[in-house]
Amino acid sequence: MNATDEHNEEPTGEKLVCQIMAAEGVIGVLGNILVCYVILRVKFLHNITNYLLVNLAVADMLLCFQVFLYYSISDCKLIAFAPVSKGVRDLFCRLLASKFLAFALTYASAYNLCVVTLERYIAIVHPLHYARKLTTARMVTLIIMVWVTSFVVHITLLFTVEPIDAPNKICSFKYPHQVFPILVSIYSFFLGYLLPLSFMSLAYYKMQVTLKRQAKALNLQHARAAAYDLVIARQNLISMLKTVLGALIVLWTLDYVVTLPCLHRTDEAQFSFCGSKPYHYARVFANLLFNFNSVINPIIYEFKYKKFKQGFKLAFCRCFKRHNGNRVGVDIAPL
């Protein structure tokens, strides 16, 4: 959402901060590409849950890429040879400086995580309806809807900025009305943050309750070890997904809070403190945390997702492939 900031401002006065932002972008792109590679290469990871994680990784990868692109071209000036034609400046202003790509990809990331949650919720809480409700066609349609909606709802941002020829200034913001940036901040807070996080938190609570009840019932009935192990494996998978959600909440909250009153932090913003130095520093720190969320998911998979860890070894280590390549665990089963 906020990986982009106005080009007419200095980042924080420290080049290091800008370089950290660009580095986060590079690491996030590489980490999420790695997630896609491992899941798509290793056959025992080929199921609907992991395919949805690939879709989530693509959203995070694109979000990281636009972070790197913005800071490399603007504040860090790492790409000094970037063209400065009017067409290129127009694309820079409308896609990056306007926050169009940042908002759209943030929505795509949040709601793709919601799709992962929905799939697990139906598999665990309503297993008898899984095959009927979550057909391949429906899942593909849902994913397409998430991506299209994420971009369409922010399309007005493309027309709020335009390139100008002025010293030390590339883009000029022109809102249709004074309250427009306030409205954008408010609906982004509710639709891009509060709504998906509330849905996922409630869904994971119900899943955890259901899994505990199932484990208790199987234990009392002295069920077969395989059935009990399946429930435990699902608990581990849900634990990993809850960690992903927890990281998102921790790393996104400050950013949404500081962005709510000031869509663009300039002296001409809706509130006077939007151009102050304390707010400037708070916004930079929030940006660092926000961008890190798209970097941390591959790390969580490696430490919390047993099957991904096995798949990673299988994809890159031949010795593991010889001895363990055919092992398939129950924690990736769809039901």
C-alpha atoms as a PDB file:
ATOM      1  CA  MET A   1       0.000   0.000   0.000  1.00  0.00           C
ATOM      2  CA  ASN A   2       2.633   2.448   1.004  1.00  0.00           C
ATOM      3  CA  ALA A   3       5.704   1.201  -0.653  1.00  0.00           C
ATOM      4  CA  THR A   4       5.612   4.362  -2.687  1.00  0.00           C
ATOM      5  CA  ASP A   5       5.845   7.905  -1.465  1.00  0.00           C
ATOM      6  CA  GLU A   6       5.913  11.243  -3.129  1.00  0.00           C
ATOM      7  CA  HIS A   7       8.807  11.971  -5.430  1.00  0.00           C
ATOM      8  CA  ASN A   8       8.892  15.578  -4.386  1.00  0.00           C
ATOM      9  CA  GLU A   9      10.198  14.674  -0.930  1.00  0.00           C
ATOM     10  CA  GLU A  10      13.496  13.486   0.424  1.00  0.00           C
ATOM     11  CA  PRO A  11      13.139   9.989   1.908  1.00  0.00           C
ATOM     12  CA  THR A  12      14.329  10.639   5.496  1.00  0.00           C
ATOM     13  CA  GLY A  13      17.625  12.353   4.925  1.00  0.00           C
ATOM     14  CA  GLU A  14      19.502   9.051   5.156  1.00  0.00           C
ATOM     15  CA  LYS A  15      20.553   7.157   2.074  1.00  0.00           C
ATOM     16  CA  LEU A  16      20.785   4.021   4.183  1.00  0.00           C
ATOM     17  CA  VAL A  17      17.036   3.883   4.754  1.00  0.00           C
ATOM     18  CA  CYS A  18      16.364   4.096   1.047  1.00  0.00           C
ATOM     19  CA  GLN A  19      18.883   1.365   0.341  1.00  0.00           C
ATOM     20  CA  ILE A  20      17.278  -0.864   2.975  1.00  0.00           C
ATOM     21  CA  MET A  21      13.925  -0.374   1.224  1.00  0.00           C
ATOM     22  CA  ALA A  22      15.444  -1.381  -2.121  1.00  0.00           C
ATOM     23  CA  ALA A  23      17.203  -4.351  -0.483  1.00  0.00           C
ATOM     24  CA  GLU A  24      13.908  -5.526   1.013  1.00  0.00           C
ATOM     25  CA  GLY A  25      12.455  -5.454  -2.462  1.00  0.00           C
ATOM     26  CA  VAL A  26      15.266  -7.571  -3.928  1.00  0.00           C
ATOM     27  CA  ILE A  27      15.213 -10.114  -1.079  1.00  0.00           C
ATOM     28  CA  GLY A  28      11.411 -10.338  -1.253  1.00  0.00           C
ATOM     29  CA  VAL A  29      11.442 -10.965  -5.002  1.00  0.00           C
ATOM     30  CA  LEU A  30      14.072 -13.707  -4.720  1.00  0.00           C
ATOM     31  CA  GLY A  31      12.449 -15.341  -1.683  1.00  0.00           C
ATOM     32  CA  ASN A  32       9.010 -15.534  -3.247  1.00  0.00           C
ATOM     33  CA  ILE A  33      10.401 -16.811  -6.543  1.00  0.00           C
ATOM     34  CA  LEU A  34      12.057 -19.548  -4.482  1.00  0.00           C
ATOM     35  CA  VAL A  35       8.688 -20.463  -2.926  1.00  0.00           C
ATOM     36  CA  CYS A  36       7.112 -20.759  -6.377  1.00  0.00           C
ATOM     37  CA  TYR A  37      10.019 -22.830  -7.681  1.00  0.00           C
ATOM     38  CA  VAL A  38       9.998 -25.325  -4.806  1.00  0.00           C
ATOM     39  CA  ILE A  39       6.241 -25.882  -4.807  1.00  0.00           C
ATOM     40  CA  LEU A  40       5.959 -26.187  -8.582  1.00  0.00           C
ATOM     41  CA  ARG A  41       9.006 -28.453  -8.899  1.00  0.00           C
ATOM     42  CA  VAL A  42       8.323 -30.924  -6.073  1.00  0.00           C
ATOM     43  CA  LYS A  43       5.457 -33.274  -6.891  1.00  0.00           C
ATOM     44  CA  PHE A  44       4.288 -34.083  -3.368  1.00  0.00           C
ATOM     45  CA  LEU A  45       3.613 -30.361  -2.855  1.00  0.00           C
ATOM     46  CA  HIS A  46       1.193 -30.304  -5.783  1.00  0.00           C
ATOM     47  CA  ASN A  47      -2.176 -29.712  -4.104  1.00  0.00           C
ATOM     48  CA  ILE A  48      -4.685 -26.901  -3.988  1.00  0.00           C
ATOM     49  CA  THR A  49      -3.404 -25.401  -0.718  1.00  0.00           C
ATOM     50  CA  ASN A  50       0.140 -25.073  -2.001  1.00  0.00           C
ATOM     51  CA  TYR A  51      -0.987 -23.771  -5.379  1.00  0.00           C
ATOM     52  CA  LEU A  52      -2.792 -21.019  -3.493  1.00  0.00           C
ATOM     53  CA  LEU A  53       0.436 -20.312  -1.602  1.00  0.00           C
ATOM     54  CA  VAL A  54       2.142 -19.919  -5.003  1.00  0.00           C
ATOM     55  CA  ASN A  55      -0.515 -17.382  -5.960  1.00  0.00           C
ATOM     56  CA  LEU A  56       0.117 -15.527  -2.695  1.00  0.00           C
ATOM     57  CA  ALA A  57       3.869 -15.628  -3.348  1.00  0.00           C
ATOM     58  CA  VAL A  58       3.326 -14.090  -6.794  1.00  0.00           C
ATOM     59  CA  ALA A  59       1.393 -11.195  -5.217  1.00  0.00           C
ATOM     60  CA  ASP A  60       4.147 -10.644  -2.626  1.00  0.00           C
ATOM     61  CA  MET A  61       6.832 -10.907  -5.308  1.00  0.00           C
ATOM     62  CA  LEU A  62       5.177  -8.214  -7.443  1.00  0.00           C
ATOM     63  CA  LEU A  63       4.708  -6.029  -4.381  1.00  0.00           C
ATOM     64  CA  CYS A  64       8.409  -6.347  -3.565  1.00  0.00           C
ATOM     65  CA  PHE A  65       9.354  -5.656  -7.172  1.00  0.00           C
ATOM     66  CA  GLN A  66       7.436  -2.376  -7.273  1.00  0.00           C
ATOM     67  CA  VAL A  67       9.085  -1.390  -3.971  1.00  0.00           C
ATOM     68  CA  PHE A  68      12.506  -1.975  -5.479  1.00  0.00           C
ATOM     69  CA  LEU A  69      11.551  -0.258  -8.725  1.00  0.00           C
ATOM     70  CA  TYR A  70      10.258   2.862  -7.030  1.00  0.00           C
ATOM     71  CA  TYR A  71      13.156   3.393  -4.666  1.00  0.00           C
ATOM     72  CA  SER A  72      15.772   2.460  -7.256  1.00  0.00           C
ATOM     73  CA  ILE A  73      14.466   4.990  -9.764  1.00  0.00           C
ATOM     74  CA  SER A  74      13.479   7.804  -7.427  1.00  0.00           C
ATOM     75  CA  ASP A  75      15.015   8.208  -3.982  1.00  0.00           C
ATOM     76  CA  CYS A  76      18.026   5.882  -4.166  1.00  0.00           C
ATOM     77  CA  LYS A  77      18.800   6.706  -7.790  1.00  0.00           C
ATOM     78  CA  LEU A  78      20.394   3.275  -8.139  1.00  0.00           C
ATOM     79  CA  ILE A  79      19.159   3.132 -11.711  1.00  0.00           C
ATOM     80  CA  ALA A  80      20.794   6.331 -12.915  1.00  0.00           C
ATOM     81  CA  PHE A  81      20.357   5.391 -16.571  1.00  0.00           C
ATOM     82  CA  ALA A  82      16.540   5.284 -16.353  1.00  0.00           C
ATOM     83  CA  PRO A  83      14.948   7.174 -19.271  1.00  0.00           C
ATOM     84  CA  VAL A  84      13.455  10.566 -18.489  1.00  0.00           C
ATOM     85  CA  SER A  85      11.114  10.910 -21.448  1.00  0.00           C
ATOM     86  CA  LYS A  86       7.628  12.219 -20.828  1.00  0.00           C
ATOM     87  CA  GLY A  87       6.091   8.795 -21.424  1.00  0.00           C
ATOM     88  CA  VAL A  88       8.323   7.116 -18.849  1.00  0.00           C
ATOM     89  CA  ARG A  89       7.717   9.902 -16.323  1.00  0.00           C
ATOM     90  CA  ASP A  90       3.989   9.561 -16.923  1.00  0.00           C
ATOM     91  CA  LEU A  91       4.134   5.839 -16.172  1.00  0.00           C
ATOM     92  CA  PHE A  92       6.258   6.465 -13.088  1.00  0.00           C
ATOM     93  CA  CYS A  93       3.840   9.060 -11.710  1.00  0.00           C
ATOM     94  CA  ARG A  94       0.612   7.210 -12.485  1.00  0.00           C
ATOM     95  CA  LEU A  95       1.689   3.702 -11.531  1.00  0.00           C
ATOM     96  CA  LEU A  96       4.212   4.232  -8.734  1.00  0.00           C
ATOM     97  CA  ALA A  97       4.022   7.732  -7.265  1.00  0.00           C
ATOM     98  CA  SER A  98       0.202   7.649  -7.213  1.00  0.00           C
ATOM     99  CA  LYS A  99       0.396   4.435  -5.128  1.00  0.00           C
ATOM    100  CA  PHE A 100      -1.828   2.657  -7.637  1.00  0.00           C
ATOM    101  CA  LEU A 101       0.410  -0.422  -7.895  1.00  0.00           C
ATOM    102  CA  ALA A 102       1.193  -0.393  -4.183  1.00  0.00           C
ATOM    103  CA  PHE A 103      -2.490  -0.328  -3.176  1.00  0.00           C
ATOM    104  CA  ALA A 104      -3.545  -2.865  -5.811  1.00  0.00           C
ATOM    105  CA  LEU A 105      -0.819  -5.387  -4.974  1.00  0.00           C
ATOM    106  CA  THR A 106      -1.403  -4.959  -1.249  1.00  0.00           C
ATOM    107  CA  TYR A 107      -5.066  -5.818  -1.743  1.00  0.00           C
ATOM    108  CA  ALA A 108      -4.078  -8.779  -3.917  1.00  0.00           C
ATOM    109  CA  SER A 109      -1.730 -10.056  -1.197  1.00  0.00           C
ATOM    110  CA  ALA A 110      -4.285  -9.678   1.609  1.00  0.00           C
ATOM    111  CA  TYR A 111      -7.186 -11.217  -0.278  1.00  0.00           C
ATOM    112  CA  ASN A 112      -5.127 -14.052  -1.745  1.00  0.00           C
ATOM    113  CA  LEU A 113      -4.264 -14.942   1.842  1.00  0.00           C
ATOM    114  CA  CYS A 114      -8.018 -14.840   2.503  1.00  0.00           C
ATOM    115  CA  VAL A 115      -8.493 -17.372  -0.322  1.00  0.00           C
ATOM    116  CA  VAL A 116      -5.916 -19.681   1.304  1.00  0.00           C
ATOM    117  CA  THR A 117      -7.801 -19.305   4.593  1.00  0.00           C
ATOM    118  CA  LEU A 118     -11.158 -20.002   2.950  1.00  0.00           C
ATOM    119  CA  GLU A 119      -9.854 -23.203   1.360  1.00  0.00           C
ATOM    120  CA  ARG A 120      -8.518 -24.485   4.683  1.00  0.00           C
ATOM    121  CA  TYR A 121     -11.671 -23.391   6.513  1.00  0.00           C
ATOM    122  CA  ILE A 122     -13.972 -25.407   4.259  1.00  0.00           C
ATOM    123  CA  ALA A 123     -11.594 -28.393   4.297  1.00  0.00           C
ATOM    124  CA  ILE A 124     -11.537 -28.498   8.106  1.00  0.00           C
ATOM    125  CA  VAL A 125     -14.885 -27.109   9.275  1.00  0.00           C
ATOM    126  CA  HIS A 126     -17.061 -28.333   6.366  1.00  0.00           C
ATOM    127  CA  PRO A 127     -15.138 -31.308   4.900  1.00  0.00           C
ATOM    128  CA  LEU A 128     -18.245 -32.967   3.419  1.00  0.00           C
ATOM    129  CA  HIS A 129     -18.829 -29.910   1.217  1.00  0.00           C
ATOM    130  CA  TYR A 130     -15.206 -29.500   0.116  1.00  0.00           C
ATOM    131  CA  ALA A 131     -15.339 -31.312  -3.227  1.00  0.00           C
ATOM    132  CA  ARG A 132     -18.631 -29.679  -4.199  1.00  0.00           C
ATOM    133  CA  LYS A 133     -17.821 -26.103  -3.166  1.00  0.00           C
ATOM    134  CA  LEU A 134     -14.146 -25.859  -4.076  1.00  0.00           C
ATOM    135  CA  THR A 135     -14.024 -27.101  -7.637  1.00  0.00           C
ATOM    136  CA  THR A 136     -11.058 -26.130  -9.805  1.00  0.00           C
ATOM    137  CA  ALA A 137     -13.225 -23.816 -11.910  1.00  0.00           C
ATOM    138  CA  ARG A 138     -14.552 -22.009  -8.847  1.00  0.00           C
ATOM    139  CA  MET A 139     -11.112 -21.556  -7.337  1.00  0.00           C
ATOM    140  CA  VAL A 140      -9.707 -20.184 -10.596  1.00  0.00           C
ATOM    141  CA  THR A 141     -12.664 -17.812 -10.877  1.00  0.00           C
ATOM    142  CA  LEU A 142     -12.190 -16.660  -7.281  1.00  0.00           C
ATOM    143  CA  ILE A 143      -8.488 -15.981  -7.813  1.00  0.00           C
ATOM    144  CA  ILE A 144      -9.165 -14.038 -11.018  1.00  0.00           C
ATOM    145  CA  MET A 145     -11.815 -11.988  -9.189  1.00  0.00           C
ATOM    146  CA  VAL A 146      -9.330 -11.151  -6.423  1.00  0.00           C
ATOM    147  CA  TRP A 147      -6.719  -9.895  -8.889  1.00  0.00           C
ATOM    148  CA  VAL A 148      -9.133  -7.958 -11.091  1.00  0.00           C
ATOM    149  CA  THR A 149     -10.935  -6.367  -8.139  1.00  0.00           C
ATOM    150  CA  SER A 150      -7.650  -5.356  -6.483  1.00  0.00           C
ATOM    151  CA  PHE A 151      -6.694  -3.307  -9.535  1.00  0.00           C
ATOM    152  CA  VAL A 152     -10.132  -1.990 -10.500  1.00  0.00           C
ATOM    153  CA  VAL A 153     -11.023  -0.497  -7.105  1.00  0.00           C
ATOM    154  CA  HIS A 154      -7.921   1.715  -7.235  1.00  0.00           C
ATOM    155  CA  ILE A 155      -8.098   2.778 -10.847  1.00  0.00           C
ATOM    156  CA  THR A 156      -9.082   6.346  -9.902  1.00  0.00           C
ATOM    157  CA  LEU A 157      -5.586   6.836  -8.449  1.00  0.00           C
ATOM    158  CA  LEU A 158      -4.203   6.746 -11.994  1.00  0.00           C
ATOM    159  CA  PHE A 159      -5.881  10.084 -12.677  1.00  0.00           C
ATOM    160  CA  THR A 160      -4.819  11.898  -9.499  1.00  0.00           C
ATOM    161  CA  VAL A 161      -1.255  12.550 -10.594  1.00  0.00           C
ATOM    162  CA  GLU A 162       0.542  13.730 -13.705  1.00  0.00           C
ATOM    163  CA  PRO A 163       4.152  14.434 -14.681  1.00  0.00           C
ATOM    164  CA  ILE A 164       5.403  18.012 -14.704  1.00  0.00           C
ATOM    165  CA  ASP A 165       8.572  19.775 -15.781  1.00  0.00           C
ATOM    166  CA  ALA A 166       9.938  21.444 -12.678  1.00  0.00           C
ATOM    167  CA  PRO A 167      13.259  21.407 -10.836  1.00  0.00           C
ATOM    168  CA  ASN A 168      13.289  18.773  -8.056  1.00  0.00           C
ATOM    169  CA  LYS A 169       9.728  17.711  -8.855  1.00  0.00           C
ATOM    170  CA  ILE A 170       8.460  15.122 -11.311  1.00  0.00           C
ATOM    171  CA  CYS A 171       4.824  14.512 -10.285  1.00  0.00           C
ATOM    172  CA  SER A 172       1.959  16.785  -9.355  1.00  0.00           C
ATOM    173  CA  PHE A 173      -1.078  15.534  -7.404  1.00  0.00           C
ATOM    174  CA  LYS A 174      -4.509  16.838  -8.325  1.00  0.00           C
ATOM    175  CA  TYR A 175      -7.443  15.408  -6.436  1.00  0.00           C
ATOM    176  CA  PRO A 176     -11.014  15.812  -7.747  1.00  0.00           C
ATOM    177  CA  HIS A 177     -12.066  17.018  -4.283  1.00  0.00           C
ATOM    178  CA  GLN A 178     -10.430  17.906  -0.995  1.00  0.00           C
ATOM    179  CA  VAL A 179     -11.949  14.892   0.769  1.00  0.00           C
ATOM    180  CA  PHE A 180     -10.817  12.381  -1.894  1.00  0.00           C
ATOM    181  CA  PRO A 181      -7.520  11.362  -0.184  1.00  0.00           C
ATOM    182  CA  ILE A 182      -9.360  11.061   3.138  1.00  0.00           C
ATOM    183  CA  LEU A 183     -11.940   8.746   1.596  1.00  0.00           C
ATOM    184  CA  VAL A 184      -9.219   6.647  -0.064  1.00  0.00           C
ATOM    185  CA  SER A 185      -7.402   6.275   3.262  1.00  0.00           C
ATOM    186  CA  ILE A 186     -10.595   5.295   5.104  1.00  0.00           C
ATOM    187  CA  TYR A 187     -11.864   2.691   2.665  1.00  0.00           C
ATOM    188  CA  SER A 188      -8.361   1.271   2.299  1.00  0.00           C
ATOM    189  CA  PHE A 189      -8.142   0.867   6.063  1.00  0.00           C
ATOM    190  CA  PHE A 190     -11.449  -0.963   6.258  1.00  0.00           C
ATOM    191  CA  LEU A 191     -11.356  -2.962   3.002  1.00  0.00           C
ATOM    192  CA  GLY A 192      -7.616  -3.605   2.748  1.00  0.00           C
ATOM    193  CA  TYR A 193      -6.847  -4.157   6.425  1.00  0.00           C
ATOM    194  CA  LEU A 194      -9.740  -4.514   8.877  1.00  0.00           C
ATOM    195  CA  LEU A 195     -12.090  -6.673   6.767  1.00  0.00           C
ATOM    196  CA  PRO A 196      -9.602  -9.348   5.580  1.00  0.00           C
ATOM    197  CA  LEU A 197      -7.853  -9.556   8.940  1.00  0.00           C
ATOM    198  CA  SER A 198     -11.163  -9.900  10.804  1.00  0.00           C
ATOM    199  CA  PHE A 199     -12.300 -12.646   8.423  1.00  0.00           C
ATOM    200  CA  MET A 200      -9.054 -14.582   8.727  1.00  0.00           C
ATOM    201  CA  SER A 201      -8.834 -14.228  12.502  1.00  0.00           C
ATOM    202  CA  LEU A 202     -12.368 -15.572  12.953  1.00  0.00           C
ATOM    203  CA  ALA A 203     -11.789 -18.388  10.451  1.00  0.00           C
ATOM    204  CA  TYR A 204      -8.574 -19.551  12.124  1.00  0.00           C
ATOM    205  CA  TYR A 205     -10.245 -19.457  15.539  1.00  0.00           C
ATOM    206  CA  LYS A 206     -13.045 -21.732  14.282  1.00  0.00           C
ATOM    207  CA  MET A 207     -10.549 -24.039  12.580  1.00  0.00           C
ATOM    208  CA  GLN A 208      -8.485 -24.348  15.737  1.00  0.00           C
ATOM    209  CA  VAL A 209     -11.570 -25.151  17.809  1.00  0.00           C
ATOM    210  CA  THR A 210     -12.677 -27.777  15.271  1.00  0.00           C
ATOM    211  CA  LEU A 211      -9.257 -29.433  15.118  1.00  0.00           C
ATOM    212  CA  LYS A 212      -8.971 -29.618  18.906  1.00  0.00           C
ATOM    213  CA  ARG A 213     -12.409 -31.188  19.115  1.00  0.00           C
ATOM    214  CA  GLN A 214     -11.512 -33.717  16.415  1.00  0.00           C
ATOM    215  CA  ALA A 215      -8.233 -34.601  18.124  1.00  0.00           C
ATOM    216  CA  LYS A 216      -9.986 -35.098  21.454  1.00  0.00           C
ATOM    217  CA  ALA A 217     -12.681 -37.290  19.895  1.00  0.00           C
ATOM    218  CA  LEU A 218     -10.151 -39.454  18.049  1.00  0.00           C
ATOM    219  CA  ASN A 219      -8.071 -39.811  21.174  1.00  0.00           C
ATOM    220  CA  LEU A 220     -11.062 -40.946  23.239  1.00  0.00           C
ATOM    221  CA  GLN A 221     -12.121 -43.395  20.523  1.00  0.00           C
ATOM    222  CA  HIS A 222      -8.585 -44.793  20.252  1.00  0.00           C
ATOM    223  CA  ALA A 223      -8.733 -44.182  16.508  1.00  0.00           C
ATOM    224  CA  ARG A 224      -6.089 -45.380  14.124  1.00  0.00           C
ATOM    225  CA  ALA A 225      -2.769 -43.541  14.314  1.00  0.00           C
ATOM    226  CA  ALA A 226      -3.105 -42.366  10.703  1.00  0.00           C
ATOM    227  CA  ALA A 227      -6.371 -40.522  11.411  1.00  0.00           C
ATOM    228  CA  TYR A 228      -4.945 -38.880  14.520  1.00  0.00           C
ATOM    229  CA  ASP A 229      -1.728 -37.946  12.713  1.00  0.00           C
ATOM    230  CA  LEU A 230      -3.795 -36.274   9.970  1.00  0.00           C
ATOM    231  CA  VAL A 231      -5.452 -34.006  12.530  1.00  0.00           C
ATOM    232  CA  ILE A 232      -2.115 -33.161  14.139  1.00  0.00           C
ATOM    233  CA  ALA A 233      -0.597 -32.434  10.731  1.00  0.00           C
ATOM    234  CA  ARG A 234      -3.467 -30.101   9.916  1.00  0.00           C
ATOM    235  CA  GLN A 235      -2.940 -28.350  13.234  1.00  0.00           C
ATOM    236  CA  ASN A 236       0.681 -27.769  12.271  1.00  0.00           C
ATOM    237  CA  LEU A 237      -0.325 -26.358   8.875  1.00  0.00           C
ATOM    238  CA  ILE A 238      -2.878 -24.043  10.489  1.00  0.00           C
ATOM    239  CA  SER A 239      -0.234 -22.991  13.004  1.00  0.00           C
ATOM    240  CA  MET A 240       2.026 -21.972  10.110  1.00  0.00           C
ATOM    241  CA  LEU A 241      -0.767 -20.009   8.416  1.00  0.00           C
ATOM    242  CA  LYS A 242      -1.610 -18.283  11.713  1.00  0.00           C
ATOM    243  CA  THR A 243       2.033 -17.245  11.957  1.00  0.00           C
ATOM    244  CA  VAL A 244       1.752 -15.725   8.469  1.00  0.00           C
ATOM    245  CA  LEU A 245      -1.387 -13.869   9.576  1.00  0.00           C
ATOM    246  CA  GLY A 246       0.240 -12.750  12.831  1.00  0.00           C
ATOM    247  CA  ALA A 247       3.236 -11.352  10.960  1.00  0.00           C
ATOM    248  CA  LEU A 248       0.895  -9.489   8.628  1.00  0.00           C
ATOM    249  CA  ILE A 249      -0.984  -7.933  11.541  1.00  0.00           C
ATOM    250  CA  VAL A 250       2.189  -6.881  13.348  1.00  0.00           C
ATOM    251  CA  LEU A 251       3.948  -5.502  10.272  1.00  0.00           C
ATOM    252  CA  TRP A 252       0.965  -3.818   8.600  1.00  0.00           C
ATOM    253  CA  THR A 253      -0.825  -2.221  11.550  1.00  0.00           C
ATOM    254  CA  LEU A 254       1.466   0.748  12.124  1.00  0.00           C
ATOM    255  CA  ASP A 255       1.512   1.573   8.433  1.00  0.00           C
ATOM    256  CA  TYR A 256      -2.263   1.634   8.127  1.00  0.00           C
ATOM    257  CA  VAL A 257      -2.528   3.731  11.272  1.00  0.00           C
ATOM    258  CA  VAL A 258      -0.091   6.388  10.064  1.00  0.00           C
ATOM    259  CA  THR A 259      -1.485   6.346   6.520  1.00  0.00           C
ATOM    260  CA  LEU A 260      -5.086   6.803   7.657  1.00  0.00           C
ATOM    261  CA  PRO A 261      -4.826  10.570   8.292  1.00  0.00           C
ATOM    262  CA  CYS A 262      -2.356  11.316   5.470  1.00  0.00           C
ATOM    263  CA  LEU A 263      -2.533   9.565   2.136  1.00  0.00           C
ATOM    264  CA  HIS A 264       0.414  11.631   0.882  1.00  0.00           C
ATOM    265  CA  ARG A 265       2.734  13.186   3.418  1.00  0.00           C
ATOM    266  CA  THR A 266       3.213  16.713   2.119  1.00  0.00           C
ATOM    267  CA  ASP A 267       2.688  20.178   3.535  1.00  0.00           C
ATOM    268  CA  GLU A 268      -0.439  20.471   1.393  1.00  0.00           C
ATOM    269  CA  ALA A 269      -2.001  17.265   2.790  1.00  0.00           C
ATOM    270  CA  GLN A 270      -5.321  17.107   4.587  1.00  0.00           C
ATOM    271  CA  PHE A 271      -3.757  17.694   8.043  1.00  0.00           C
ATOM    272  CA  SER A 272      -0.909  20.033   8.896  1.00  0.00           C
ATOM    273  CA  PHE A 273       1.185  17.432  10.732  1.00  0.00           C
ATOM    274  CA  CYS A 274       1.422  15.330   7.560  1.00  0.00           C
ATOM    275  CA  GLY A 275       4.463  17.356   6.519  1.00  0.00           C
ATOM    276  CA  SER A 276       6.145  17.345   9.943  1.00  0.00           C
ATOM    277  CA  LYS A 277       9.412  15.562  10.678  1.00  0.00           C
ATOM    278  CA  PRO A 278       8.065  13.326  13.482  1.00  0.00           C
ATOM    279  CA  TYR A 279       5.351  12.071  11.149  1.00  0.00           C
ATOM    280  CA  HIS A 280       7.948  11.695   8.413  1.00  0.00           C
ATOM    281  CA  TYR A 281      10.059   9.403  10.599  1.00  0.00           C
ATOM    282  CA  ALA A 282       7.023   7.427  11.739  1.00  0.00           C
ATOM    283  CA  ARG A 283       5.997   6.931   8.117  1.00  0.00           C
ATOM    284  CA  VAL A 284       9.469   5.737   7.104  1.00  0.00           C
ATOM    285  CA  PHE A 285       9.604   3.232   9.981  1.00  0.00           C
ATOM    286  CA  ALA A 286       6.106   2.006   9.082  1.00  0.00           C
ATOM    287  CA  ASN A 287       7.227   1.586   5.463  1.00  0.00           C
ATOM    288  CA  LEU A 288      10.150  -0.570   6.539  1.00  0.00           C
ATOM    289  CA  LEU A 289       7.885  -2.852   8.565  1.00  0.00           C
ATOM    290  CA  PHE A 290       5.215  -2.975   5.877  1.00  0.00           C
ATOM    291  CA  ASN A 291       7.637  -3.968   3.121  1.00  0.00           C
ATOM    292  CA  PHE A 292       9.226  -6.609   5.333  1.00  0.00           C
ATOM    293  CA  ASN A 293       5.943  -8.528   5.475  1.00  0.00           C
ATOM    294  CA  SER A 294       6.354  -9.591   1.848  1.00  0.00           C
ATOM    295  CA  VAL A 295       9.906 -10.748   2.635  1.00  0.00           C
ATOM    296  CA  ILE A 296       9.156 -12.823   5.711  1.00  0.00           C
ATOM    297  CA  ASN A 297       6.661 -15.380   4.354  1.00  0.00           C
ATOM    298  CA  PRO A 298       9.291 -17.605   2.670  1.00  0.00           C
ATOM    299  CA  ILE A 299      11.203 -17.603   5.970  1.00  0.00           C
ATOM    300  CA  ILE A 300       8.058 -18.678   7.843  1.00  0.00           C
ATOM    301  CA  TYR A 301       7.471 -21.520   5.382  1.00  0.00           C
ATOM    302  CA  GLU A 302      11.020 -22.767   5.888  1.00  0.00           C
ATOM    303  CA  PHE A 303      10.773 -22.813   9.694  1.00  0.00           C
ATOM    304  CA  LYS A 304       7.097 -23.630  10.246  1.00  0.00           C
ATOM    305  CA  TYR A 305       5.984 -25.706   7.231  1.00  0.00           C
ATOM    306  CA  LYS A 306       7.492 -29.175   7.461  1.00  0.00           C
ATOM    307  CA  LYS A 307       6.486 -30.236   3.952  1.00  0.00           C
ATOM    308  CA  PHE A 308       7.926 -27.084   2.390  1.00  0.00           C
ATOM    309  CA  LYS A 309      11.195 -27.710   4.227  1.00  0.00           C
ATOM    310  CA  GLN A 310      11.268 -31.264   2.848  1.00  0.00           C
ATOM    311  CA  GLY A 311      10.402 -29.954  -0.615  1.00  0.00           C
ATOM    312  CA  PHE A 312      13.175 -27.377  -0.419  1.00  0.00           C
ATOM    313  CA  LYS A 313      15.715 -30.101   0.353  1.00  0.00           C
ATOM    314  CA  LEU A 314      14.313 -32.278  -2.387  1.00  0.00           C
ATOM    315  CA  ALA A 315      14.538 -29.464  -4.933  1.00  0.00           C
ATOM    316  CA  PHE A 316      18.147 -28.550  -4.130  1.00  0.00           C
ATOM    317  CA  CYS A 317      19.805 -31.548  -2.475  1.00  0.00           C
ATOM    318  CA  ARG A 318      20.336 -34.727  -4.490  1.00  0.00           C
ATOM    319  CA  CYS A 319      21.241 -36.791  -1.454  1.00  0.00           C
ATOM    320  CA  PHE A 320      17.883 -35.981   0.135  1.00  0.00           C
ATOM    321  CA  LYS A 321      16.198 -36.740  -3.180  1.00  0.00           C
ATOM    322  CA  ARG A 322      17.674 -40.242  -3.276  1.00  0.00           C
ATOM    323  CA  HIS A 323      16.591 -41.156   0.233  1.00  0.00           C
ATOM    324  CA  ASN A 324      13.410 -39.198   0.830  1.00  0.00           C
ATOM    325  CA  GLY A 325      12.056 -38.144  -2.552  1.00  0.00           C
ATOM    326  CA  ASN A 326       9.034 -40.419  -2.393  1.00  0.00           C
ATOM    327  CA  ARG A 327       7.831 -39.549   1.094  1.00  0.00           C
ATOM    328  CA  VAL A 328       4.465 -37.820   1.203  1.00  0.00           C
ATOM    329  CA  GLY A 329       3.022 -36.413   4.398  1.00  0.00           C
ATOM    330  CA  VAL A 330      -0.570 -36.001   5.474  1.00  0.00           C
ATOM    331  CA  ASP A 331      -0.331 -32.327   6.366  1.00  0.00           C
ATOM    332  CA  ILE A 332      -0.840 -31.372   2.722  1.00  0.00           C
ATOM    333  CA  ALA A 333      -3.905 -33.503   2.174  1.00  0.00           C
ATOM    334  CA  PRO A 334      -6.894 -31.484   0.958  1.00  0.00           C
ATOM    335  CA  LEU A 335      -9.340 -32.880   3.540  1.00  0.00           C
END
